[in-house]
Amino acid sequence: MHYWAEDNPHWLRQVQHQHPWTVNVWCGIIGNHIIGPFFIEGTLNEQKYANFLRHELQILLHDVPLGHRIRM
């Protein structure tokens, strides 16, 4: 992005506002059920993924019929 001033048209300042960012989104399909999406903030690592599998996935699977969950 460039800034300039009307009272001094020779003044110029370049600004870099964009920073690299990432987003991790987990989504699944079981039969005709879409599971998620679930957003994981920051860099995905072993601890975050294990937490997702132990805690969040159970909540996301709550609306999936038991028969589908048993056959997974």
PDB file of N, CA and C in Angstrom:
ATOM      1  N   MET A   1       0.851  -1.156   0.000  1.00  0.00           N
ATOM      2  CA  MET A   1       0.000   0.000   0.000  1.00  0.00           C
ATOM      3  C   MET A   1       0.901   1.224   0.000  1.00  0.00           C
ATOM      4  N   HIS A   2       0.501   2.238  -0.712  1.00  0.00           N
ATOM      5  CA  HIS A   2       1.272   3.473  -0.805  1.00  0.00           C
ATOM      6  C   HIS A   2       0.474   4.613  -0.186  1.00  0.00           C
ATOM      7  N   TYR A   3       1.158   5.470   0.557  1.00  0.00           N
ATOM      8  CA  TYR A   3       0.567   6.687   1.093  1.00  0.00           C
ATOM      9  C   TYR A   3       1.277   7.866   0.454  1.00  0.00           C
ATOM     10  N   TRP A   4       0.547   8.948   0.261  1.00  0.00           N
ATOM     11  CA  TRP A   4       1.162  10.175  -0.210  1.00  0.00           C
ATOM     12  C   TRP A   4       0.368  11.339   0.350  1.00  0.00           C
ATOM     13  N   ALA A   5       0.954  12.519   0.359  1.00  0.00           N
ATOM     14  CA  ALA A   5       0.310  13.698   0.944  1.00  0.00           C
ATOM     15  C   ALA A   5       0.106  14.755  -0.125  1.00  0.00           C
ATOM     16  N   GLU A   6      -1.082  15.387  -0.119  1.00  0.00           N
ATOM     17  CA  GLU A   6      -1.367  16.445  -1.099  1.00  0.00           C
ATOM     18  C   GLU A   6      -0.469  17.654  -0.887  1.00  0.00           C
ATOM     19  N   ASP A   7      -0.155  17.983   0.376  1.00  0.00           N
ATOM     20  CA  ASP A   7       0.685  19.149   0.635  1.00  0.00           C
ATOM     21  C   ASP A   7       2.155  18.887   0.290  1.00  0.00           C
ATOM     22  N   ASN A   8       2.563  17.629   0.156  1.00  0.00           N
ATOM     23  CA  ASN A   8       3.917  17.286  -0.263  1.00  0.00           C
ATOM     24  C   ASN A   8       3.825  16.073  -1.187  1.00  0.00           C
ATOM     25  N   PRO A   9       3.591  16.281  -2.478  1.00  0.00           N
ATOM     26  CA  PRO A   9       3.386  15.158  -3.393  1.00  0.00           C
ATOM     27  C   PRO A   9       4.632  14.288  -3.584  1.00  0.00           C
ATOM     28  N   HIS A  10       5.790  14.734  -3.131  1.00  0.00           N
ATOM     29  CA  HIS A  10       7.009  13.940  -3.264  1.00  0.00           C
ATOM     30  C   HIS A  10       7.197  12.971  -2.100  1.00  0.00           C
ATOM     31  N   TRP A  11       6.385  13.160  -1.036  1.00  0.00           N
ATOM     32  CA  TRP A  11       6.469  12.265   0.126  1.00  0.00           C
ATOM     33  C   TRP A  11       5.785  10.956  -0.222  1.00  0.00           C
ATOM     34  N   LEU A  12       6.436   9.868   0.046  1.00  0.00           N
ATOM     35  CA  LEU A  12       5.890   8.550  -0.269  1.00  0.00           C
ATOM     36  C   LEU A  12       6.282   7.590   0.841  1.00  0.00           C
ATOM     37  N   ARG A  13       5.332   6.794   1.242  1.00  0.00           N
ATOM     38  CA  ARG A  13       5.612   5.776   2.258  1.00  0.00           C
ATOM     39  C   ARG A  13       4.972   4.474   1.816  1.00  0.00           C
ATOM     40  N   GLN A  14       5.769   3.442   1.729  1.00  0.00           N
ATOM     41  CA  GLN A  14       5.254   2.122   1.400  1.00  0.00           C
ATOM     42  C   GLN A  14       5.055   1.339   2.694  1.00  0.00           C
ATOM     43  N   VAL A  15       3.909   0.686   2.765  1.00  0.00           N
ATOM     44  CA  VAL A  15       3.576  -0.088   3.957  1.00  0.00           C
ATOM     45  C   VAL A  15       3.174  -1.486   3.520  1.00  0.00           C
ATOM     46  N   GLN A  16       3.686  -2.467   4.216  1.00  0.00           N
ATOM     47  CA  GLN A  16       3.341  -3.862   3.936  1.00  0.00           C
ATOM     48  C   GLN A  16       2.408  -4.337   5.044  1.00  0.00           C
ATOM     49  N   HIS A  17       1.103  -4.427   4.749  1.00  0.00           N
ATOM     50  CA  HIS A  17       0.126  -4.865   5.741  1.00  0.00           C
ATOM     51  C   HIS A  17      -0.136  -6.360   5.674  1.00  0.00           C
ATOM     52  N   GLN A  18       0.227  -6.981   4.604  1.00  0.00           N
ATOM     53  CA  GLN A  18      -0.085  -8.393   4.454  1.00  0.00           C
ATOM     54  C   GLN A  18       0.998  -9.241   5.107  1.00  0.00           C
ATOM     55  N   HIS A  19       0.543 -10.173   5.907  1.00  0.00           N
ATOM     56  CA  HIS A  19       1.439 -11.116   6.557  1.00  0.00           C
ATOM     57  C   HIS A  19       0.962 -12.514   6.197  1.00  0.00           C
ATOM     58  N   PRO A  20       1.872 -13.452   6.077  1.00  0.00           N
ATOM     59  CA  PRO A  20       1.431 -14.815   5.772  1.00  0.00           C
ATOM     60  C   PRO A  20       0.565 -15.347   6.914  1.00  0.00           C
ATOM     61  N   TRP A  21      -0.489 -16.053   6.547  1.00  0.00           N
ATOM     62  CA  TRP A  21      -1.358 -16.659   7.546  1.00  0.00           C
ATOM     63  C   TRP A  21      -1.833 -17.993   7.026  1.00  0.00           C
ATOM     64  N   THR A  22      -2.229 -18.833   7.931  1.00  0.00           N
ATOM     65  CA  THR A  22      -2.734 -20.141   7.550  1.00  0.00           C
ATOM     66  C   THR A  22      -3.995 -20.423   8.337  1.00  0.00           C
ATOM     67  N   VAL A  23      -4.789 -21.287   7.792  1.00  0.00           N
ATOM     68  CA  VAL A  23      -5.974 -21.763   8.494  1.00  0.00           C
ATOM     69  C   VAL A  23      -6.103 -23.250   8.189  1.00  0.00           C
ATOM     70  N   ASN A  24      -6.418 -24.007   9.206  1.00  0.00           N
ATOM     71  CA  ASN A  24      -6.631 -25.442   9.044  1.00  0.00           C
ATOM     72  C   ASN A  24      -8.106 -25.717   9.251  1.00  0.00           C
ATOM     73  N   VAL A  25      -8.705 -26.373   8.299  1.00  0.00           N
ATOM     74  CA  VAL A  25     -10.126 -26.694   8.373  1.00  0.00           C
ATOM     75  C   VAL A  25     -10.276 -28.197   8.198  1.00  0.00           C
ATOM     76  N   TRP A  26     -10.970 -28.823   9.146  1.00  0.00           N
ATOM     77  CA  TRP A  26     -11.256 -30.248   9.051  1.00  0.00           C
ATOM     78  C   TRP A  26     -12.723 -30.405   8.715  1.00  0.00           C
ATOM     79  N   CYS A  27     -13.014 -31.308   7.793  1.00  0.00           N
ATOM     80  CA  CYS A  27     -14.386 -31.610   7.399  1.00  0.00           C
ATOM     81  C   CYS A  27     -14.424 -33.075   6.988  1.00  0.00           C
ATOM     82  N   GLY A  28     -15.539 -33.724   7.234  1.00  0.00           N
ATOM     83  CA  GLY A  28     -15.655 -35.131   6.869  1.00  0.00           C
ATOM     84  C   GLY A  28     -17.022 -35.438   6.288  1.00  0.00           C
ATOM     85  N   ILE A  29     -17.128 -36.565   5.627  1.00  0.00           N
ATOM     86  CA  ILE A  29     -18.389 -37.037   5.060  1.00  0.00           C
ATOM     87  C   ILE A  29     -18.564 -38.488   5.482  1.00  0.00           C
ATOM     88  N   ILE A  30     -19.700 -38.775   6.106  1.00  0.00           N
ATOM     89  CA  ILE A  30     -20.052 -40.141   6.488  1.00  0.00           C
ATOM     90  C   ILE A  30     -21.438 -40.397   5.927  1.00  0.00           C
ATOM     91  N   GLY A  31     -21.520 -41.312   4.977  1.00  0.00           N
ATOM     92  CA  GLY A  31     -22.805 -41.554   4.318  1.00  0.00           C
ATOM     93  C   GLY A  31     -23.270 -40.282   3.636  1.00  0.00           C
ATOM     94  N   ASN A  32     -24.440 -39.793   4.028  1.00  0.00           N
ATOM     95  CA  ASN A  32     -24.934 -38.536   3.456  1.00  0.00           C
ATOM     96  C   ASN A  32     -24.862 -37.402   4.481  1.00  0.00           C
ATOM     97  N   HIS A  33     -24.004 -37.539   5.477  1.00  0.00           N
ATOM     98  CA  HIS A  33     -23.828 -36.527   6.522  1.00  0.00           C
ATOM     99  C   HIS A  33     -22.498 -35.804   6.324  1.00  0.00           C
ATOM    100  N   ILE A  34     -22.549 -34.489   6.351  1.00  0.00           N
ATOM    101  CA  ILE A  34     -21.332 -33.674   6.315  1.00  0.00           C
ATOM    102  C   ILE A  34     -20.974 -33.338   7.755  1.00  0.00           C
ATOM    103  N   ILE A  35     -19.753 -33.622   8.129  1.00  0.00           N
ATOM    104  CA  ILE A  35     -19.276 -33.395   9.485  1.00  0.00           C
ATOM    105  C   ILE A  35     -18.376 -32.166   9.474  1.00  0.00           C
ATOM    106  N   GLY A  36     -18.705 -31.184  10.290  1.00  0.00           N
ATOM    107  CA  GLY A  36     -17.880 -29.974  10.355  1.00  0.00           C
ATOM    108  C   GLY A  36     -18.497 -28.857   9.551  1.00  0.00           C
ATOM    109  N   PRO A  37     -17.730 -27.885   9.224  1.00  0.00           N
ATOM    110  CA  PRO A  37     -16.273 -27.773   9.321  1.00  0.00           C
ATOM    111  C   PRO A  37     -15.831 -27.435  10.744  1.00  0.00           C
ATOM    112  N   PHE A  38     -14.588 -27.761  11.038  1.00  0.00           N
ATOM    113  CA  PHE A  38     -13.972 -27.423  12.311  1.00  0.00           C
ATOM    114  C   PHE A  38     -12.676 -26.686  12.001  1.00  0.00           C
ATOM    115  N   PHE A  39     -12.514 -25.502  12.574  1.00  0.00           N
ATOM    116  CA  PHE A  39     -11.353 -24.659  12.309  1.00  0.00           C
ATOM    117  C   PHE A  39     -10.334 -24.817  13.436  1.00  0.00           C
ATOM    118  N   ILE A  40      -9.104 -25.051  13.065  1.00  0.00           N
ATOM    119  CA  ILE A  40      -8.011 -25.205  14.026  1.00  0.00           C
ATOM    120  C   ILE A  40      -7.098 -23.998  13.867  1.00  0.00           C
ATOM    121  N   GLU A  41      -6.976 -23.216  14.934  1.00  0.00           N
ATOM    122  CA  GLU A  41      -6.179 -21.992  14.865  1.00  0.00           C
ATOM    123  C   GLU A  41      -4.690 -22.305  14.911  1.00  0.00           C
ATOM    124  N   GLY A  42      -3.923 -21.501  14.218  1.00  0.00           N
ATOM    125  CA  GLY A  42      -2.472 -21.640  14.238  1.00  0.00           C
ATOM    126  C   GLY A  42      -1.996 -22.855  13.470  1.00  0.00           C
ATOM    127  N   THR A  43      -0.771 -23.214  13.728  1.00  0.00           N
ATOM    128  CA  THR A  43      -0.147 -24.345  13.053  1.00  0.00           C
ATOM    129  C   THR A  43      -0.663 -25.651  13.647  1.00  0.00           C
ATOM    130  N   LEU A  44      -1.069 -26.560  12.783  1.00  0.00           N
ATOM    131  CA  LEU A  44      -1.530 -27.864  13.238  1.00  0.00           C
ATOM    132  C   LEU A  44      -0.331 -28.687  13.693  1.00  0.00           C
ATOM    133  N   ASN A  45      -0.413 -29.175  14.917  1.00  0.00           N
ATOM    134  CA  ASN A  45       0.657 -30.022  15.439  1.00  0.00           C
ATOM    135  C   ASN A  45       0.034 -31.256  16.082  1.00  0.00           C
ATOM    136  N   GLU A  46       0.883 -32.121  16.604  1.00  0.00           N
ATOM    137  CA  GLU A  46       0.419 -33.386  17.181  1.00  0.00           C
ATOM    138  C   GLU A  46      -0.554 -33.158  18.335  1.00  0.00           C
ATOM    139  N   GLN A  47      -0.245 -32.208  19.197  1.00  0.00           N
ATOM    140  CA  GLN A  47      -1.083 -31.940  20.365  1.00  0.00           C
ATOM    141  C   GLN A  47      -2.467 -31.423  19.958  1.00  0.00           C
ATOM    142  N   LYS A  48      -2.517 -30.496  19.012  1.00  0.00           N
ATOM    143  CA  LYS A  48      -3.805 -29.957  18.561  1.00  0.00           C
ATOM    144  C   LYS A  48      -4.638 -31.024  17.863  1.00  0.00           C
ATOM    145  N   TYR A  49      -3.988 -31.863  17.059  1.00  0.00           N
ATOM    146  CA  TYR A  49      -4.725 -32.906  16.348  1.00  0.00           C
ATOM    147  C   TYR A  49      -5.242 -33.962  17.323  1.00  0.00           C
ATOM    148  N   ALA A  50      -4.429 -34.343  18.316  1.00  0.00           N
ATOM    149  CA  ALA A  50      -4.868 -35.310  19.328  1.00  0.00           C
ATOM    150  C   ALA A  50      -6.039 -34.749  20.124  1.00  0.00           C
ATOM    151  N   ASN A  51      -5.992 -33.473  20.473  1.00  0.00           N
ATOM    152  CA  ASN A  51      -7.096 -32.831  21.185  1.00  0.00           C
ATOM    153  C   ASN A  51      -8.362 -32.848  20.334  1.00  0.00           C
ATOM    154  N   PHE A  52      -8.213 -32.580  19.049  1.00  0.00           N
ATOM    155  CA  PHE A  52      -9.359 -32.622  18.138  1.00  0.00           C
ATOM    156  C   PHE A  52      -9.974 -34.022  18.118  1.00  0.00           C
ATOM    157  N   LEU A  53      -9.140 -35.045  17.987  1.00  0.00           N
ATOM    158  CA  LEU A  53      -9.647 -36.418  17.922  1.00  0.00           C
ATOM    159  C   LEU A  53     -10.306 -36.849  19.234  1.00  0.00           C
ATOM    160  N   ARG A  54      -9.737 -36.442  20.360  1.00  0.00           N
ATOM    161  CA  ARG A  54     -10.260 -36.873  21.666  1.00  0.00           C
ATOM    162  C   ARG A  54     -11.518 -36.128  22.089  1.00  0.00           C
ATOM    163  N   HIS A  55     -11.611 -34.843  21.747  1.00  0.00           N
ATOM    164  CA  HIS A  55     -12.681 -34.018  22.312  1.00  0.00           C
ATOM    165  C   HIS A  55     -13.653 -33.460  21.272  1.00  0.00           C
ATOM    166  N   GLU A  56     -13.139 -32.828  20.264  1.00  0.00           N
ATOM    167  CA  GLU A  56     -14.000 -32.117  19.314  1.00  0.00           C
ATOM    168  C   GLU A  56     -14.733 -33.057  18.370  1.00  0.00           C
ATOM    169  N   LEU A  57     -14.071 -34.112  17.922  1.00  0.00           N
ATOM    170  CA  LEU A  57     -14.682 -35.021  16.956  1.00  0.00           C
ATOM    171  C   LEU A  57     -15.931 -35.680  17.527  1.00  0.00           C
ATOM    172  N   GLN A  58     -15.913 -36.010  18.815  1.00  0.00           N
ATOM    173  CA  GLN A  58     -17.092 -36.606  19.449  1.00  0.00           C
ATOM    174  C   GLN A  58     -18.295 -35.680  19.353  1.00  0.00           C
ATOM    175  N   ILE A  59     -18.069 -34.400  19.558  1.00  0.00           N
ATOM    176  CA  ILE A  59     -19.153 -33.416  19.473  1.00  0.00           C
ATOM    177  C   ILE A  59     -19.656 -33.312  18.039  1.00  0.00           C
ATOM    178  N   LEU A  60     -18.739 -33.292  17.075  1.00  0.00           N
ATOM    179  CA  LEU A  60     -19.133 -33.173  15.667  1.00  0.00           C
ATOM    180  C   LEU A  60     -19.915 -34.396  15.192  1.00  0.00           C
ATOM    181  N   LEU A  61     -19.614 -35.559  15.761  1.00  0.00           N
ATOM    182  CA  LEU A  61     -20.285 -36.796  15.345  1.00  0.00           C
ATOM    183  C   LEU A  61     -21.617 -37.022  16.059  1.00  0.00           C
ATOM    184  N   HIS A  62     -21.993 -36.135  16.950  1.00  0.00           N
ATOM    185  CA  HIS A  62     -23.207 -36.315  17.750  1.00  0.00           C
ATOM    186  C   HIS A  62     -24.457 -36.505  16.893  1.00  0.00           C
ATOM    187  N   ASP A  63     -24.576 -35.804  15.775  1.00  0.00           N
ATOM    188  CA  ASP A  63     -25.777 -35.883  14.933  1.00  0.00           C
ATOM    189  C   ASP A  63     -25.738 -37.024  13.923  1.00  0.00           C
ATOM    190  N   VAL A  64     -24.635 -37.743  13.846  1.00  0.00           N
ATOM    191  CA  VAL A  64     -24.532 -38.875  12.921  1.00  0.00           C
ATOM    192  C   VAL A  64     -25.177 -40.089  13.592  1.00  0.00           C
ATOM    193  N   PRO A  65     -26.065 -40.790  12.895  1.00  0.00           N
ATOM    194  CA  PRO A  65     -26.715 -41.959  13.500  1.00  0.00           C
ATOM    195  C   PRO A  65     -25.694 -42.974  14.019  1.00  0.00           C
ATOM    196  N   LEU A  66     -26.045 -43.617  15.115  1.00  0.00           N
ATOM    197  CA  LEU A  66     -25.154 -44.571  15.768  1.00  0.00           C
ATOM    198  C   LEU A  66     -24.713 -45.679  14.818  1.00  0.00           C
ATOM    199  N   GLY A  67     -25.607 -46.145  13.958  1.00  0.00           N
ATOM    200  CA  GLY A  67     -25.255 -47.193  13.005  1.00  0.00           C
ATOM    201  C   GLY A  67     -24.112 -46.791  12.094  1.00  0.00           C
ATOM    202  N   HIS A  68     -24.109 -45.555  11.644  1.00  0.00           N
ATOM    203  CA  HIS A  68     -23.011 -45.064  10.807  1.00  0.00           C
ATOM    204  C   HIS A  68     -21.710 -44.990  11.605  1.00  0.00           C
ATOM    205  N   ARG A  69     -21.809 -44.523  12.857  1.00  0.00           N
ATOM    206  CA  ARG A  69     -20.598 -44.395  13.677  1.00  0.00           C
ATOM    207  C   ARG A  69     -19.996 -45.761  13.994  1.00  0.00           C
ATOM    208  N   ILE A  70     -20.826 -46.766  14.210  1.00  0.00           N
ATOM    209  CA  ILE A  70     -20.322 -48.107  14.517  1.00  0.00           C
ATOM    210  C   ILE A  70     -19.572 -48.690  13.325  1.00  0.00           C
ATOM    211  N   ARG A  71     -20.048 -48.414  12.106  1.00  0.00           N
ATOM    212  CA  ARG A  71     -19.420 -48.976  10.899  1.00  0.00           C
ATOM    213  C   ARG A  71     -18.194 -48.195  10.447  1.00  0.00           C
ATOM    214  N   MET A  72     -17.818 -47.156  11.142  1.00  0.00           N
ATOM    215  CA  MET A  72     -16.654 -46.359  10.729  1.00  0.00           C
ATOM    216  C   MET A  72     -15.370 -47.146  10.887  1.00  0.00           C
TER     217      MET A  72
END
